[in-house]
Amino acid sequence: MVDNRSKPRPANIVLNREKHELQIDWQDGHTSHYPLDELREACPCATCRGGHEFMGPDHDPDLLSLQPVRSYQVEGMQLAGNYALQFVWSDGHDSGFYSWEYLRRICPCAECTQQ
């Protein structure tokens, strides 16, 4: 079995404000739905993760299942090169770069959380 999560690439990205989620359709046919509040809490930047030593490939598999501290809105979203998304959150935070690899690793669906 080939692990397509090692070099994931999005085929389509939808910020659905009504559903309060980010949807990514991956080139391998998988679809991920990220609740925005949990996505903000999972920001991969050094400030949010507690320093550079906590920014590596490992992640807490329960990261997106934690109850968010508050509700967040996305004020803006843009591509960061060919490798990531950058958000401007309603709390003013904008320094996190959510790489395709990171987003695929933290996919909250049942299939991905069991791997």
N, C-alpha and C. Protein backbone atom coordinates (compact mmCIF):
# COMPACT_ATOMS: atom_id res chain seq x y z
N MET A 1 0.84 -1.19 0.00
CA MET A 1 0.00 0.00 0.00
C MET A 1 0.89 1.25 0.00
N VAL A 2 0.60 2.18 -0.85
CA VAL A 2 1.36 3.42 -0.96
C VAL A 2 0.78 4.46 -0.02
N ASP A 3 1.63 5.10 0.77
CA ASP A 3 1.17 6.15 1.67
C ASP A 3 1.18 7.47 0.91
N ASN A 4 0.02 7.88 0.40
CA ASN A 4 -0.09 9.13 -0.37
C ASN A 4 0.00 10.36 0.50
N ARG A 5 0.02 10.18 1.82
CA ARG A 5 0.08 11.34 2.70
C ARG A 5 1.49 11.90 2.79
N SER A 6 2.51 11.19 2.28
CA SER A 6 3.87 11.67 2.40
C SER A 6 4.13 12.91 1.54
N LYS A 7 3.48 13.01 0.38
CA LYS A 7 3.63 14.18 -0.49
C LYS A 7 2.25 14.60 -0.99
N PRO A 8 1.41 14.98 -0.06
CA PRO A 8 0.03 15.33 -0.47
C PRO A 8 -0.02 16.65 -1.23
N ARG A 9 -0.94 16.71 -2.16
CA ARG A 9 -1.18 17.94 -2.92
C ARG A 9 -2.69 18.13 -3.02
N PRO A 10 -3.15 19.34 -2.77
CA PRO A 10 -4.59 19.58 -2.89
C PRO A 10 -5.03 19.70 -4.34
N ALA A 11 -6.22 19.20 -4.62
CA ALA A 11 -6.83 19.38 -5.93
C ALA A 11 -7.82 20.54 -5.88
N ASN A 12 -8.41 20.75 -4.70
CA ASN A 12 -9.40 21.81 -4.52
C ASN A 12 -9.44 22.21 -3.05
N ILE A 13 -9.55 23.50 -2.80
CA ILE A 13 -9.62 24.02 -1.43
C ILE A 13 -10.84 24.93 -1.33
N VAL A 14 -11.69 24.67 -0.33
CA VAL A 14 -12.90 25.47 -0.14
C VAL A 14 -12.98 25.94 1.31
N LEU A 15 -13.03 27.24 1.50
CA LEU A 15 -13.29 27.81 2.82
C LEU A 15 -14.80 28.01 2.90
N ASN A 16 -15.47 27.18 3.67
CA ASN A 16 -16.92 27.25 3.78
C ASN A 16 -17.27 27.96 5.08
N ARG A 17 -17.56 29.25 4.97
CA ARG A 17 -17.87 30.05 6.15
C ARG A 17 -19.20 29.64 6.78
N GLU A 18 -20.15 29.19 5.96
CA GLU A 18 -21.45 28.77 6.48
C GLU A 18 -21.32 27.53 7.37
N LYS A 19 -20.52 26.56 6.92
CA LYS A 19 -20.29 25.35 7.71
C LYS A 19 -19.18 25.53 8.73
N HIS A 20 -18.48 26.65 8.66
CA HIS A 20 -17.37 26.99 9.56
C HIS A 20 -16.28 25.92 9.46
N GLU A 21 -15.89 25.60 8.19
CA GLU A 21 -14.87 24.58 7.99
C GLU A 21 -14.06 24.86 6.73
N LEU A 22 -12.89 24.26 6.70
CA LEU A 22 -12.04 24.24 5.52
C LEU A 22 -12.14 22.84 4.94
N GLN A 23 -12.43 22.76 3.65
CA GLN A 23 -12.48 21.46 2.98
C GLN A 23 -11.35 21.41 1.97
N ILE A 24 -10.59 20.33 2.02
CA ILE A 24 -9.53 20.10 1.03
C ILE A 24 -9.81 18.77 0.36
N ASP A 25 -9.94 18.81 -0.96
CA ASP A 25 -10.01 17.61 -1.78
C ASP A 25 -8.60 17.37 -2.27
N TRP A 26 -8.01 16.23 -1.88
CA TRP A 26 -6.64 15.91 -2.22
C TRP A 26 -6.56 15.22 -3.58
N GLN A 27 -5.42 15.32 -4.22
CA GLN A 27 -5.23 14.72 -5.54
C GLN A 27 -5.38 13.20 -5.53
N ASP A 28 -5.19 12.58 -4.38
CA ASP A 28 -5.32 11.13 -4.30
C ASP A 28 -6.77 10.68 -4.09
N GLY A 29 -7.71 11.65 -4.09
CA GLY A 29 -9.13 11.33 -3.96
C GLY A 29 -9.67 11.46 -2.55
N HIS A 30 -8.82 11.66 -1.56
CA HIS A 30 -9.27 11.82 -0.19
C HIS A 30 -9.82 13.24 0.01
N THR A 31 -10.80 13.39 0.90
CA THR A 31 -11.33 14.71 1.25
C THR A 31 -11.21 14.90 2.75
N SER A 32 -10.70 16.07 3.15
CA SER A 32 -10.55 16.42 4.57
C SER A 32 -11.45 17.59 4.89
N HIS A 33 -12.09 17.54 6.05
CA HIS A 33 -12.92 18.63 6.56
C HIS A 33 -12.34 19.07 7.90
N TYR A 34 -11.88 20.33 7.97
CA TYR A 34 -11.26 20.85 9.17
C TYR A 34 -12.17 21.90 9.80
N PRO A 35 -12.66 21.69 11.01
CA PRO A 35 -13.41 22.74 11.70
C PRO A 35 -12.48 23.93 11.94
N LEU A 36 -12.94 25.13 11.63
CA LEU A 36 -12.06 26.31 11.70
C LEU A 36 -11.52 26.58 13.10
N ASP A 37 -12.36 26.44 14.13
CA ASP A 37 -11.89 26.72 15.49
C ASP A 37 -10.74 25.78 15.86
N GLU A 38 -10.90 24.50 15.55
CA GLU A 38 -9.86 23.54 15.85
C GLU A 38 -8.62 23.78 15.00
N LEU A 39 -8.82 24.20 13.76
CA LEU A 39 -7.69 24.49 12.89
C LEU A 39 -6.87 25.66 13.43
N ARG A 40 -7.53 26.66 13.95
CA ARG A 40 -6.80 27.80 14.56
C ARG A 40 -6.02 27.34 15.77
N GLU A 41 -6.63 26.51 16.61
CA GLU A 41 -5.94 26.00 17.80
C GLU A 41 -4.75 25.12 17.43
N ALA A 42 -4.78 24.54 16.23
CA ALA A 42 -3.69 23.67 15.77
C ALA A 42 -2.64 24.44 14.98
N CYS A 43 -2.63 25.75 15.07
CA CYS A 43 -1.67 26.55 14.31
C CYS A 43 -0.25 26.02 14.52
N PRO A 44 0.47 25.78 13.41
CA PRO A 44 1.80 25.18 13.51
C PRO A 44 2.94 26.16 13.76
N CYS A 45 2.68 27.43 13.97
CA CYS A 45 3.78 28.39 14.12
C CYS A 45 4.51 28.19 15.46
N ALA A 46 5.72 28.72 15.54
CA ALA A 46 6.57 28.56 16.73
C ALA A 46 5.91 29.15 17.96
N THR A 47 5.23 30.27 17.83
CA THR A 47 4.57 30.91 18.97
C THR A 47 3.47 30.02 19.53
N CYS A 48 2.63 29.49 18.65
CA CYS A 48 1.50 28.66 19.09
C CYS A 48 1.95 27.28 19.58
N ARG A 49 3.02 26.74 19.02
CA ARG A 49 3.48 25.41 19.40
C ARG A 49 4.42 25.45 20.59
N GLY A 50 4.86 26.65 21.00
CA GLY A 50 5.72 26.75 22.16
C GLY A 50 7.20 26.72 21.86
N GLY A 51 7.58 27.04 20.64
CA GLY A 51 9.00 27.08 20.27
C GLY A 51 9.29 26.21 19.08
N HIS A 52 10.43 26.46 18.46
CA HIS A 52 10.82 25.74 17.24
C HIS A 52 10.97 24.24 17.46
N GLU A 53 11.37 23.82 18.65
CA GLU A 53 11.58 22.39 18.88
C GLU A 53 10.29 21.58 18.83
N PHE A 54 9.13 22.26 18.87
CA PHE A 54 7.85 21.57 18.81
C PHE A 54 7.17 21.68 17.45
N MET A 55 7.91 22.11 16.43
CA MET A 55 7.33 22.33 15.11
C MET A 55 7.64 21.22 14.12
N GLY A 56 8.19 20.10 14.57
CA GLY A 56 8.59 19.02 13.67
C GLY A 56 7.42 18.24 13.11
N PRO A 57 7.71 17.13 12.47
CA PRO A 57 6.67 16.35 11.80
C PRO A 57 5.72 15.64 12.77
N ASP A 58 6.14 15.39 14.00
CA ASP A 58 5.24 14.74 14.95
C ASP A 58 4.14 15.71 15.35
N HIS A 59 2.99 15.16 15.66
CA HIS A 59 1.88 15.98 16.11
C HIS A 59 1.04 15.16 17.06
N ASP A 60 0.28 15.82 17.87
CA ASP A 60 -0.64 15.17 18.77
C ASP A 60 -1.82 14.68 17.93
N PRO A 61 -2.08 13.37 17.88
CA PRO A 61 -3.18 12.88 17.03
C PRO A 61 -4.55 13.38 17.48
N ASP A 62 -4.65 13.86 18.70
CA ASP A 62 -5.92 14.37 19.21
C ASP A 62 -6.04 15.88 19.05
N LEU A 63 -5.11 16.49 18.33
CA LEU A 63 -5.05 17.94 18.20
C LEU A 63 -6.37 18.56 17.77
N LEU A 64 -7.02 18.00 16.77
CA LEU A 64 -8.26 18.59 16.28
C LEU A 64 -9.49 18.11 17.03
N SER A 65 -9.34 17.22 17.98
CA SER A 65 -10.50 16.77 18.75
C SER A 65 -10.61 17.52 20.08
N LEU A 66 -9.65 18.36 20.39
CA LEU A 66 -9.71 19.15 21.62
C LEU A 66 -10.75 20.24 21.48
N GLN A 67 -11.41 20.55 22.58
CA GLN A 67 -12.41 21.63 22.58
C GLN A 67 -11.70 22.97 22.46
N PRO A 68 -11.98 23.74 21.42
CA PRO A 68 -11.33 25.04 21.26
C PRO A 68 -11.66 25.98 22.41
N VAL A 69 -10.71 26.86 22.71
CA VAL A 69 -10.89 27.82 23.77
C VAL A 69 -11.95 28.85 23.41
N ARG A 70 -12.02 29.19 22.14
CA ARG A 70 -12.97 30.20 21.67
C ARG A 70 -13.31 29.93 20.21
N SER A 71 -14.17 30.75 19.67
CA SER A 71 -14.55 30.63 18.27
C SER A 71 -13.73 31.62 17.44
N TYR A 72 -13.28 31.17 16.29
CA TYR A 72 -12.45 31.99 15.42
C TYR A 72 -13.08 32.09 14.04
N GLN A 73 -12.88 33.20 13.41
CA GLN A 73 -13.30 33.41 12.02
C GLN A 73 -12.04 33.59 11.17
N VAL A 74 -12.15 33.23 9.92
CA VAL A 74 -11.05 33.46 8.99
C VAL A 74 -11.32 34.79 8.30
N GLU A 75 -10.41 35.74 8.49
CA GLU A 75 -10.51 37.05 7.85
C GLU A 75 -9.90 37.02 6.46
N GLY A 76 -8.93 36.13 6.26
CA GLY A 76 -8.27 36.01 4.97
C GLY A 76 -7.52 34.70 4.88
N MET A 77 -7.33 34.23 3.65
CA MET A 77 -6.61 32.98 3.41
C MET A 77 -5.88 33.13 2.09
N GLN A 78 -4.62 32.70 2.06
CA GLN A 78 -3.87 32.78 0.81
C GLN A 78 -2.88 31.62 0.72
N LEU A 79 -2.50 31.31 -0.50
CA LEU A 79 -1.47 30.31 -0.73
C LEU A 79 -0.12 30.88 -0.32
N ALA A 80 0.70 30.03 0.27
CA ALA A 80 2.08 30.40 0.59
C ALA A 80 2.94 29.55 -0.33
N GLY A 81 3.34 30.12 -1.42
CA GLY A 81 4.09 29.37 -2.41
C GLY A 81 3.27 28.21 -2.94
N ASN A 82 3.93 27.08 -3.17
CA ASN A 82 3.26 25.86 -3.64
C ASN A 82 3.15 24.83 -2.53
N TYR A 83 3.35 25.26 -1.27
CA TYR A 83 3.46 24.26 -0.22
C TYR A 83 2.53 24.44 0.97
N ALA A 84 1.78 25.55 1.07
CA ALA A 84 1.04 25.79 2.29
C ALA A 84 -0.08 26.81 2.12
N LEU A 85 -0.91 26.88 3.15
CA LEU A 85 -1.92 27.93 3.28
C LEU A 85 -1.54 28.82 4.46
N GLN A 86 -1.84 30.10 4.34
CA GLN A 86 -1.65 31.03 5.44
C GLN A 86 -2.99 31.70 5.69
N PHE A 87 -3.39 31.74 6.95
CA PHE A 87 -4.66 32.34 7.35
C PHE A 87 -4.43 33.63 8.10
N VAL A 88 -5.40 34.53 8.00
CA VAL A 88 -5.50 35.67 8.90
C VAL A 88 -6.74 35.38 9.72
N TRP A 89 -6.53 35.17 11.02
CA TRP A 89 -7.63 34.81 11.92
C TRP A 89 -8.24 36.04 12.56
N SER A 90 -9.43 35.91 13.05
CA SER A 90 -10.16 37.03 13.65
C SER A 90 -9.48 37.57 14.91
N ASP A 91 -8.57 36.80 15.51
CA ASP A 91 -7.83 37.29 16.67
C ASP A 91 -6.56 38.04 16.24
N GLY A 92 -6.39 38.22 14.92
CA GLY A 92 -5.24 38.96 14.40
C GLY A 92 -4.03 38.09 14.09
N HIS A 93 -4.07 36.83 14.46
CA HIS A 93 -2.93 35.94 14.23
C HIS A 93 -2.82 35.59 12.75
N ASP A 94 -1.58 35.65 12.23
CA ASP A 94 -1.39 35.35 10.80
C ASP A 94 -0.03 34.75 10.48
N SER A 95 0.67 34.24 11.47
CA SER A 95 2.04 33.78 11.21
C SER A 95 2.16 32.28 10.98
N GLY A 96 1.07 31.54 11.03
CA GLY A 96 1.14 30.11 10.81
C GLY A 96 1.06 29.74 9.34
N PHE A 97 1.98 28.90 8.90
CA PHE A 97 1.95 28.35 7.55
C PHE A 97 1.55 26.88 7.66
N TYR A 98 0.36 26.55 7.18
CA TYR A 98 -0.18 25.20 7.26
C TYR A 98 0.24 24.46 5.99
N SER A 99 1.34 23.72 6.06
CA SER A 99 1.85 23.03 4.88
C SER A 99 0.89 21.92 4.49
N TRP A 100 0.97 21.50 3.23
CA TRP A 100 0.11 20.41 2.77
C TRP A 100 0.37 19.16 3.60
N GLU A 101 1.64 18.88 3.91
CA GLU A 101 1.98 17.71 4.71
C GLU A 101 1.35 17.79 6.10
N TYR A 102 1.44 18.97 6.71
CA TYR A 102 0.86 19.15 8.05
C TYR A 102 -0.65 18.98 8.01
N LEU A 103 -1.30 19.61 7.05
CA LEU A 103 -2.76 19.50 6.95
C LEU A 103 -3.19 18.05 6.74
N ARG A 104 -2.47 17.34 5.92
CA ARG A 104 -2.85 15.93 5.69
C ARG A 104 -2.61 15.09 6.94
N ARG A 105 -1.52 15.36 7.66
CA ARG A 105 -1.23 14.61 8.89
C ARG A 105 -2.29 14.82 9.95
N ILE A 106 -2.87 16.03 10.01
CA ILE A 106 -3.84 16.31 11.07
C ILE A 106 -5.29 16.13 10.60
N CYS A 107 -5.49 15.52 9.44
CA CYS A 107 -6.84 15.27 8.95
C CYS A 107 -7.64 14.59 10.05
N PRO A 108 -8.80 15.15 10.42
CA PRO A 108 -9.57 14.60 11.53
C PRO A 108 -10.53 13.47 11.18
N CYS A 109 -10.53 13.00 9.95
CA CYS A 109 -11.49 11.95 9.59
C CYS A 109 -11.12 10.63 10.27
N ALA A 110 -12.09 9.74 10.39
CA ALA A 110 -11.90 8.45 11.06
C ALA A 110 -10.82 7.62 10.38
N GLU A 111 -10.77 7.65 9.05
CA GLU A 111 -9.77 6.87 8.32
C GLU A 111 -8.34 7.32 8.69
N CYS A 112 -8.12 8.62 8.74
CA CYS A 112 -6.78 9.14 8.99
C CYS A 112 -6.39 9.03 10.47
N THR A 113 -7.32 9.20 11.37
CA THR A 113 -6.98 9.14 12.79
C THR A 113 -6.69 7.72 13.25
N GLN A 114 -7.09 6.72 12.46
CA GLN A 114 -6.80 5.33 12.81
C GLN A 114 -5.42 4.89 12.32
N GLN A 115 -4.79 5.67 11.45
CA GLN A 115 -3.48 5.29 10.90
C GLN A 115 -2.36 5.64 11.84
